[in-house]
Structures are given as structure tokens and as C-alpha cells.
C-alpha atoms as a PDB file:
ATOM      1  CA  MET A   1      28.053  75.529  -6.273  1.00  0.00           C
ATOM      2  CA  THR A   2      31.361  76.576  -7.828  1.00  0.00           C
ATOM      3  CA  ASN A   3      34.569  74.625  -8.180  1.00  0.00           C
ATOM      4  CA  ALA A   4      36.850  77.225  -6.621  1.00  0.00           C
ATOM      5  CA  VAL A   5      40.570  76.583  -6.899  1.00  0.00           C
ATOM      6  CA  LYS A   6      42.043  75.691  -3.536  1.00  0.00           C
ATOM      7  CA  GLY A   7      45.523  75.269  -2.127  1.00  0.00           C
ATOM      8  CA  PRO A   8      48.650  76.788  -3.646  1.00  0.00           C
ATOM      9  CA  ALA A   9      47.054  77.159  -7.081  1.00  0.00           C
ATOM     10  CA  SER A  10      44.603  79.701  -5.660  1.00  0.00           C
ATOM     11  CA  TYR A  11      47.517  82.177  -5.602  1.00  0.00           C
ATOM     12  CA  PHE A  12      48.412  81.708  -9.275  1.00  0.00           C
ATOM     13  CA  PRO A  13      46.273  84.488 -10.817  1.00  0.00           C
ATOM     14  CA  SER A  14      47.656  87.091  -8.416  1.00  0.00           C
ATOM     15  CA  ILE A  15      51.236  85.822  -8.896  1.00  0.00           C
ATOM     16  CA  GLU A  16      50.971  86.180 -12.670  1.00  0.00           C
ATOM     17  CA  LYS A  17      49.409  89.619 -12.375  1.00  0.00           C
ATOM     18  CA  LYS A  18      51.874  90.970  -9.804  1.00  0.00           C
ATOM     19  CA  TYR A  19      55.120  89.564 -11.217  1.00  0.00           C
ATOM     20  CA  GLY A  20      54.284  89.433 -14.943  1.00  0.00           C
ATOM     21  CA  ARG A  21      55.430  85.874 -15.578  1.00  0.00           C
ATOM     22  CA  PRO A  22      53.301  82.809 -16.294  1.00  0.00           C
ATOM     23  CA  ILE A  23      53.165  80.088 -13.652  1.00  0.00           C
ATOM     24  CA  ALA A  24      54.797  77.619 -16.042  1.00  0.00           C
ATOM     25  CA  GLU A  25      57.858  79.854 -16.167  1.00  0.00           C
ATOM     26  CA  TRP A  26      58.076  80.063 -12.364  1.00  0.00           C
ATOM     27  CA  LYS A  27      57.753  76.294 -12.064  1.00  0.00           C
ATOM     28  CA  GLU A  28      60.454  75.811 -14.706  1.00  0.00           C
ATOM     29  CA  LEU A  29      62.782  78.045 -12.659  1.00  0.00           C
ATOM     30  CA  ILE A  30      62.066  76.029  -9.524  1.00  0.00           C
ATOM     31  CA  HIS A  31      62.541  72.678 -11.263  1.00  0.00           C
ATOM     32  CA  SER A  32      65.824  73.808 -12.832  1.00  0.00           C
ATOM     33  CA  SER A  33      67.233  75.155  -9.562  1.00  0.00           C
ATOM     34  CA  PRO A  34      69.952  73.116  -7.858  1.00  0.00           C
ATOM     35  CA  LEU A  35      68.083  73.726  -4.589  1.00  0.00           C
ATOM     36  CA  THR A  36      65.751  70.964  -3.460  1.00  0.00           C
ATOM     37  CA  LYS A  37      64.439  71.906  -0.026  1.00  0.00           C
ATOM     38  CA  HIS A  38      61.209  73.823   0.339  1.00  0.00           C
ATOM     39  CA  GLY A  39      62.619  76.528   2.622  1.00  0.00           C
ATOM     40  CA  GLU A  40      65.691  77.058   0.466  1.00  0.00           C
ATOM     41  CA  LEU A  41      63.582  77.487  -2.655  1.00  0.00           C
ATOM     42  CA  VAL A  42      61.228  79.933  -0.928  1.00  0.00           C
ATOM     43  CA  THR A  43      64.161  82.007   0.311  1.00  0.00           C
ATOM     44  CA  TRP A  44      65.715  81.958  -3.176  1.00  0.00           C
ATOM     45  CA  LEU A  45      62.517  83.144  -4.885  1.00  0.00           C
ATOM     46  CA  LYS A  46      62.170  85.927  -2.331  1.00  0.00           C
ATOM     47  CA  SER A  47      65.772  87.137  -2.494  1.00  0.00           C
ATOM     48  CA  GLU A  48      66.564  86.602  -6.176  1.00  0.00           C
ATOM     49  CA  HIS A  49      63.173  87.263  -7.764  1.00  0.00           C
ATOM     50  CA  GLY A  50      61.461  89.593  -5.304  1.00  0.00           C
ATOM     51  CA  LEU A  51      58.460  87.408  -4.547  1.00  0.00           C
ATOM     52  CA  GLY A  52      56.528  87.787  -1.327  1.00  0.00           C
ATOM     53  CA  HIS A  53      56.611  84.921   1.138  1.00  0.00           C
ATOM     54  CA  GLY A  54      53.091  83.635   0.448  1.00  0.00           C
ATOM     55  CA  HIS A  55      53.549  83.659  -3.313  1.00  0.00           C
ATOM     56  CA  ALA A  56      56.949  81.978  -3.132  1.00  0.00           C
ATOM     57  CA  ASN A  57      55.605  79.376  -0.722  1.00  0.00           C
ATOM     58  CA  ALA A  58      52.627  78.601  -2.988  1.00  0.00           C
ATOM     59  CA  LEU A  59      54.824  78.168  -6.070  1.00  0.00           C
ATOM     60  CA  VAL A  60      57.317  75.941  -4.287  1.00  0.00           C
ATOM     61  CA  ALA A  61      54.620  73.808  -2.658  1.00  0.00           C
ATOM     62  CA  HIS A  62      52.934  73.245  -6.016  1.00  0.00           C
ATOM     63  CA  ALA A  63      56.172  72.561  -7.905  1.00  0.00           C
ATOM     64  CA  LEU A  64      57.453  70.120  -5.303  1.00  0.00           C
ATOM     65  CA  SER A  65      54.130  68.299  -5.200  1.00  0.00           C
ATOM     66  CA  GLU A  66      54.495  67.676  -8.946  1.00  0.00           C
ATOM     67  CA  ILE A  67      57.883  66.063  -8.363  1.00  0.00           C
ATOM     68  CA  LYS A  68      56.535  63.868  -5.582  1.00  0.00           C
ATOM     69  CA  GLY A  69      53.503  62.958  -7.671  1.00  0.00           C
ATOM     70  CA  ALA A  70      51.071  64.262  -5.066  1.00  0.00           C
END
């Protein structure tokens, strides 16, 4: 039995490969943004950084969960 990564983090390898930036850098961008709402951050990543919806959603969900301590 393997311990497969689940949830938003399961997207991380493909995000790094497709966009050429480490996940830590994406999360730093999200945390430093003045935006705080999930939908706003997703829209911002899509429009300003060219991410697809699923990748932007995964990054935002993970980053916000760190803030909330989940």
C-alpha cells in the first residue's frame, strides 16, 4: 500500500513542471497578496500568472489552510 499524496498537494508536481516555479514561491506570492478571499486569489493567479483554474485552486486552498492551521 502506498501513501499517495491527496488533496491540493497532489497537484504540486504538475504545477512545478508546467509553470517552472517551486510551490514555496507560489505560496509566498499568495501569502504576500493583499487579497484574502479564495475566489479572488484564484482569479488573480489565473489572470496575472496564467495558471489554470485547477492549479490555482489547489495552491490557494493549500495556502489558506496553512493560515487557518488546518
